[in-house]
Amino acid sequence: MKSVNTATGTNAPRLDDQLCFLLYTASREVTRQYQPVLKALDLTYPQYLVMLVLWEQSKPISVSEIGKRLHLDSGTLTPLLKRLEQKAIITRRRNDRDERQVDIQLQSKGLEMKRHAEEVPGKLLCRFDDAQLKRLQELREELKSVLSLLTNK
């Protein structure tokens, strides 16, 4: 997809033509929209994502499994998990069968947070009408396809 950069008269890439920039900017804006809602839960957006993974589980889950679900490496997850542990939301424990593996389990505070977190999507989506919500659902499906193409899955 080549277009002439009208400012330079060349075929140099233009910022507004870059899919990566649009995805990056949209992602940052979505994260910004979540901040005031998550403040009530005392969670950052990345912590909220980890909690979503944990709330889906009925048993402990390994750090590596959380990383797979969130497309994050353990170097990114470890400090985040330490902060959640300091807040008494989760516990981190070496797996009895494989000491290289660290398992994460919700504490009662983390389980209790789930009730309050159920309100998060509604608080964000209430500003959209039905047509906009339908478009957002379609966009979510398109983004799943893009991610699948990029990760060869």
C-alpha atoms as a PDB file:
ATOM      1  CA  MET A   1       0.000   0.000   0.000  1.00  0.00           C
ATOM      2  CA  LYS A   2       2.086   2.882  -1.312  1.00  0.00           C
ATOM      3  CA  SER A   3       0.980   6.448  -1.170  1.00  0.00           C
ATOM      4  CA  VAL A   4       2.780   9.646  -1.963  1.00  0.00           C
ATOM      5  CA  ASN A   5       3.721  11.646   1.086  1.00  0.00           C
ATOM      6  CA  THR A   6       2.356  15.054   0.120  1.00  0.00           C
ATOM      7  CA  ALA A   7       4.685  16.844   2.530  1.00  0.00           C
ATOM      8  CA  THR A   8       7.825  15.420   0.910  1.00  0.00           C
ATOM      9  CA  GLY A   9       6.572  14.407  -2.538  1.00  0.00           C
ATOM     10  CA  THR A  10       8.119  10.960  -2.034  1.00  0.00           C
ATOM     11  CA  ASN A  11       6.895   7.437  -1.462  1.00  0.00           C
ATOM     12  CA  ALA A  12       8.234   7.559   2.093  1.00  0.00           C
ATOM     13  CA  PRO A  13       6.001   5.809   4.620  1.00  0.00           C
ATOM     14  CA  ARG A  14       3.360   8.002   6.233  1.00  0.00           C
ATOM     15  CA  LEU A  15       2.467   7.638   9.885  1.00  0.00           C
ATOM     16  CA  ASP A  16      -1.287   7.650   9.250  1.00  0.00           C
ATOM     17  CA  ASP A  17      -0.913   4.788   6.749  1.00  0.00           C
ATOM     18  CA  GLN A  18       0.759   2.485   9.270  1.00  0.00           C
ATOM     19  CA  LEU A  19      -1.458  -0.253  10.690  1.00  0.00           C
ATOM     20  CA  CYS A  20       0.961  -0.678  13.582  1.00  0.00           C
ATOM     21  CA  PHE A  21       0.500   2.955  14.600  1.00  0.00           C
ATOM     22  CA  LEU A  22      -3.288   2.740  14.489  1.00  0.00           C
ATOM     23  CA  LEU A  23      -3.279  -0.461  16.572  1.00  0.00           C
ATOM     24  CA  TYR A  24      -0.819   1.061  19.045  1.00  0.00           C
ATOM     25  CA  THR A  25      -2.827   4.277  19.394  1.00  0.00           C
ATOM     26  CA  ALA A  26      -6.142   2.449  19.747  1.00  0.00           C
ATOM     27  CA  SER A  27      -4.631   0.135  22.358  1.00  0.00           C
ATOM     28  CA  ARG A  28      -3.309   3.062  24.387  1.00  0.00           C
ATOM     29  CA  GLU A  29      -6.687   4.784  24.248  1.00  0.00           C
ATOM     30  CA  VAL A  30      -8.550   1.667  25.384  1.00  0.00           C
ATOM     31  CA  THR A  31      -6.105   1.283  28.270  1.00  0.00           C
ATOM     32  CA  ARG A  32      -6.628   4.949  29.194  1.00  0.00           C
ATOM     33  CA  GLN A  33     -10.396   4.432  29.216  1.00  0.00           C
ATOM     34  CA  TYR A  34     -10.025   1.538  31.668  1.00  0.00           C
ATOM     35  CA  GLN A  35      -7.865   3.452  34.173  1.00  0.00           C
ATOM     36  CA  PRO A  36     -10.593   5.298  36.119  1.00  0.00           C
ATOM     37  CA  VAL A  37     -12.795   2.201  36.266  1.00  0.00           C
ATOM     38  CA  LEU A  38      -9.955  -0.031  37.468  1.00  0.00           C
ATOM     39  CA  LYS A  39      -8.836   2.525  40.048  1.00  0.00           C
ATOM     40  CA  ALA A  40     -11.777   1.457  42.213  1.00  0.00           C
ATOM     41  CA  LEU A  41     -10.345  -2.088  42.176  1.00  0.00           C
ATOM     42  CA  ASP A  42      -6.810  -0.802  42.820  1.00  0.00           C
ATOM     43  CA  LEU A  43      -5.620  -2.571  39.663  1.00  0.00           C
ATOM     44  CA  THR A  44      -3.593  -1.447  36.688  1.00  0.00           C
ATOM     45  CA  TYR A  45      -4.721  -2.566  33.255  1.00  0.00           C
ATOM     46  CA  PRO A  46      -2.030  -5.301  32.986  1.00  0.00           C
ATOM     47  CA  GLN A  47      -2.972  -6.529  36.480  1.00  0.00           C
ATOM     48  CA  TYR A  48      -6.627  -6.614  35.398  1.00  0.00           C
ATOM     49  CA  LEU A  49      -5.688  -8.805  32.422  1.00  0.00           C
ATOM     50  CA  VAL A  50      -3.891 -11.238  34.726  1.00  0.00           C
ATOM     51  CA  MET A  51      -6.906 -11.281  37.024  1.00  0.00           C
ATOM     52  CA  LEU A  52      -9.211 -12.082  34.097  1.00  0.00           C
ATOM     53  CA  VAL A  53      -7.086 -15.153  33.351  1.00  0.00           C
ATOM     54  CA  LEU A  54      -7.127 -16.187  37.022  1.00  0.00           C
ATOM     55  CA  TRP A  55     -10.885 -15.683  37.416  1.00  0.00           C
ATOM     56  CA  GLU A  56     -11.443 -18.109  34.525  1.00  0.00           C
ATOM     57  CA  GLN A  57      -9.619 -20.851  36.462  1.00  0.00           C
ATOM     58  CA  SER A  58     -10.857 -23.009  39.311  1.00  0.00           C
ATOM     59  CA  LYS A  59      -7.359 -24.169  40.263  1.00  0.00           C
ATOM     60  CA  PRO A  60      -3.836 -22.730  40.378  1.00  0.00           C
ATOM     61  CA  ILE A  61      -2.303 -21.822  37.036  1.00  0.00           C
ATOM     62  CA  SER A  62       1.377 -21.566  36.137  1.00  0.00           C
ATOM     63  CA  VAL A  63       3.114 -18.313  35.291  1.00  0.00           C
ATOM     64  CA  SER A  64       3.965 -19.760  31.892  1.00  0.00           C
ATOM     65  CA  GLU A  65       0.275 -20.492  31.185  1.00  0.00           C
ATOM     66  CA  ILE A  66      -0.662 -16.936  32.135  1.00  0.00           C
ATOM     67  CA  GLY A  67       2.105 -15.726  29.842  1.00  0.00           C
ATOM     68  CA  LYS A  68       0.774 -17.798  26.947  1.00  0.00           C
ATOM     69  CA  ARG A  69      -2.741 -16.444  27.419  1.00  0.00           C
ATOM     70  CA  LEU A  70      -1.559 -12.824  27.607  1.00  0.00           C
ATOM     71  CA  HIS A  71       1.303 -13.104  25.091  1.00  0.00           C
ATOM     72  CA  LEU A  72       3.753 -11.917  27.776  1.00  0.00           C
ATOM     73  CA  ASP A  73       7.084 -13.320  28.930  1.00  0.00           C
ATOM     74  CA  SER A  74       7.882 -14.208  32.540  1.00  0.00           C
ATOM     75  CA  GLY A  75      10.194 -11.191  32.833  1.00  0.00           C
ATOM     76  CA  THR A  76       7.196  -8.936  32.282  1.00  0.00           C
ATOM     77  CA  LEU A  77       4.818 -10.995  34.412  1.00  0.00           C
ATOM     78  CA  THR A  78       7.013 -11.584  37.460  1.00  0.00           C
ATOM     79  CA  PRO A  79       7.073  -7.988  38.791  1.00  0.00           C
ATOM     80  CA  LEU A  80       3.369  -7.637  38.077  1.00  0.00           C
ATOM     81  CA  LEU A  81       2.610 -10.856  39.976  1.00  0.00           C
ATOM     82  CA  LYS A  82       4.823  -9.772  42.872  1.00  0.00           C
ATOM     83  CA  ARG A  83       2.759  -6.582  43.219  1.00  0.00           C
ATOM     84  CA  LEU A  84      -0.480  -8.586  43.213  1.00  0.00           C
ATOM     85  CA  GLU A  85       0.998 -10.849  45.884  1.00  0.00           C
ATOM     86  CA  GLN A  86       2.013  -7.825  47.992  1.00  0.00           C
ATOM     87  CA  LYS A  87      -1.613  -6.663  47.823  1.00  0.00           C
ATOM     88  CA  ALA A  88      -2.687 -10.125  49.139  1.00  0.00           C
ATOM     89  CA  ILE A  89      -4.658 -10.813  45.950  1.00  0.00           C
ATOM     90  CA  ILE A  90      -2.706 -13.891  44.833  1.00  0.00           C
ATOM     91  CA  THR A  91      -0.153 -16.347  46.126  1.00  0.00           C
ATOM     92  CA  ARG A  92       2.876 -17.556  44.168  1.00  0.00           C
ATOM     93  CA  ARG A  93       4.134 -21.010  44.973  1.00  0.00           C
ATOM     94  CA  ARG A  94       6.623 -23.429  43.443  1.00  0.00           C
ATOM     95  CA  ASN A  95       4.956 -26.446  41.908  1.00  0.00           C
ATOM     96  CA  ASP A  96       5.493 -29.603  44.004  1.00  0.00           C
ATOM     97  CA  ARG A  97       6.094 -31.770  40.906  1.00  0.00           C
ATOM     98  CA  ASP A  98       8.335 -29.305  39.059  1.00  0.00           C
ATOM     99  CA  GLU A  99      10.166 -26.689  41.102  1.00  0.00           C
ATOM    100  CA  ARG A 100      11.010 -24.705  37.965  1.00  0.00           C
ATOM    101  CA  GLN A 101       7.318 -23.909  37.612  1.00  0.00           C
ATOM    102  CA  VAL A 102       5.600 -21.246  39.732  1.00  0.00           C
ATOM    103  CA  ASP A 103       1.864 -21.605  40.254  1.00  0.00           C
ATOM    104  CA  ILE A 104      -0.463 -18.685  40.889  1.00  0.00           C
ATOM    105  CA  GLN A 105      -3.604 -18.965  42.966  1.00  0.00           C
ATOM    106  CA  LEU A 106      -6.188 -16.388  43.971  1.00  0.00           C
ATOM    107  CA  GLN A 107      -6.470 -15.491  47.632  1.00  0.00           C
ATOM    108  CA  SER A 108      -9.874 -14.670  49.110  1.00  0.00           C
ATOM    109  CA  LYS A 109      -9.348 -10.961  48.340  1.00  0.00           C
ATOM    110  CA  GLY A 110      -8.754 -11.832  44.678  1.00  0.00           C
ATOM    111  CA  LEU A 111     -11.860 -14.001  44.569  1.00  0.00           C
ATOM    112  CA  GLU A 112     -13.914 -11.217  46.160  1.00  0.00           C
ATOM    113  CA  MET A 113     -12.674  -8.732  43.562  1.00  0.00           C
ATOM    114  CA  LYS A 114     -14.312 -10.786  40.834  1.00  0.00           C
ATOM    115  CA  ARG A 115     -17.783  -9.634  41.912  1.00  0.00           C
ATOM    116  CA  HIS A 116     -16.770  -5.992  41.545  1.00  0.00           C
ATOM    117  CA  ALA A 117     -14.878  -6.613  38.317  1.00  0.00           C
ATOM    118  CA  GLU A 118     -18.005  -8.007  36.670  1.00  0.00           C
ATOM    119  CA  GLU A 119     -19.188  -4.389  36.430  1.00  0.00           C
ATOM    120  CA  VAL A 120     -16.104  -3.189  34.525  1.00  0.00           C
ATOM    121  CA  PRO A 121     -17.194  -4.016  30.944  1.00  0.00           C
ATOM    122  CA  GLY A 122     -20.634  -2.474  31.469  1.00  0.00           C
ATOM    123  CA  LYS A 123     -19.138   0.744  32.816  1.00  0.00           C
ATOM    124  CA  LEU A 124     -17.044   1.079  29.679  1.00  0.00           C
ATOM    125  CA  LEU A 125     -19.601  -0.041  27.123  1.00  0.00           C
ATOM    126  CA  CYS A 126     -22.590   1.920  28.456  1.00  0.00           C
ATOM    127  CA  ARG A 127     -21.560   4.980  26.424  1.00  0.00           C
ATOM    128  CA  PHE A 128     -22.085   3.165  23.109  1.00  0.00           C
ATOM    129  CA  ASP A 129     -25.359   2.673  21.249  1.00  0.00           C
ATOM    130  CA  ASP A 130     -26.402  -0.695  19.783  1.00  0.00           C
ATOM    131  CA  ALA A 131     -24.902   0.010  16.345  1.00  0.00           C
ATOM    132  CA  GLN A 132     -21.583   1.016  17.892  1.00  0.00           C
ATOM    133  CA  LEU A 133     -21.568  -2.080  20.100  1.00  0.00           C
ATOM    134  CA  LYS A 134     -22.175  -4.256  17.055  1.00  0.00           C
ATOM    135  CA  ARG A 135     -19.263  -2.544  15.278  1.00  0.00           C
ATOM    136  CA  LEU A 136     -17.016  -3.117  18.302  1.00  0.00           C
ATOM    137  CA  GLN A 137     -17.942  -6.822  18.312  1.00  0.00           C
ATOM    138  CA  GLU A 138     -17.099  -7.037  14.605  1.00  0.00           C
ATOM    139  CA  LEU A 139     -13.810  -5.247  15.251  1.00  0.00           C
ATOM    140  CA  ARG A 140     -12.961  -7.711  18.038  1.00  0.00           C
ATOM    141  CA  GLU A 141     -13.454 -10.607  15.608  1.00  0.00           C
ATOM    142  CA  GLU A 142     -11.308  -8.877  12.974  1.00  0.00           C
ATOM    143  CA  LEU A 143      -8.549  -8.295  15.525  1.00  0.00           C
ATOM    144  CA  LYS A 144      -8.651 -11.979  16.478  1.00  0.00           C
ATOM    145  CA  SER A 145      -8.098 -12.778  12.797  1.00  0.00           C
ATOM    146  CA  VAL A 146      -5.208 -10.307  12.559  1.00  0.00           C
ATOM    147  CA  LEU A 147      -3.597 -11.772  15.665  1.00  0.00           C
ATOM    148  CA  SER A 148      -4.011 -15.251  14.262  1.00  0.00           C
ATOM    149  CA  LEU A 149      -2.342 -14.208  11.005  1.00  0.00           C
ATOM    150  CA  LEU A 150       0.534 -12.545  12.831  1.00  0.00           C
ATOM    151  CA  THR A 151       1.160 -15.443  15.200  1.00  0.00           C
ATOM    152  CA  ASN A 152       0.511 -18.163  12.581  1.00  0.00           C
ATOM    153  CA  LYS A 153      -2.164 -19.783  14.734  1.00  0.00           C
END
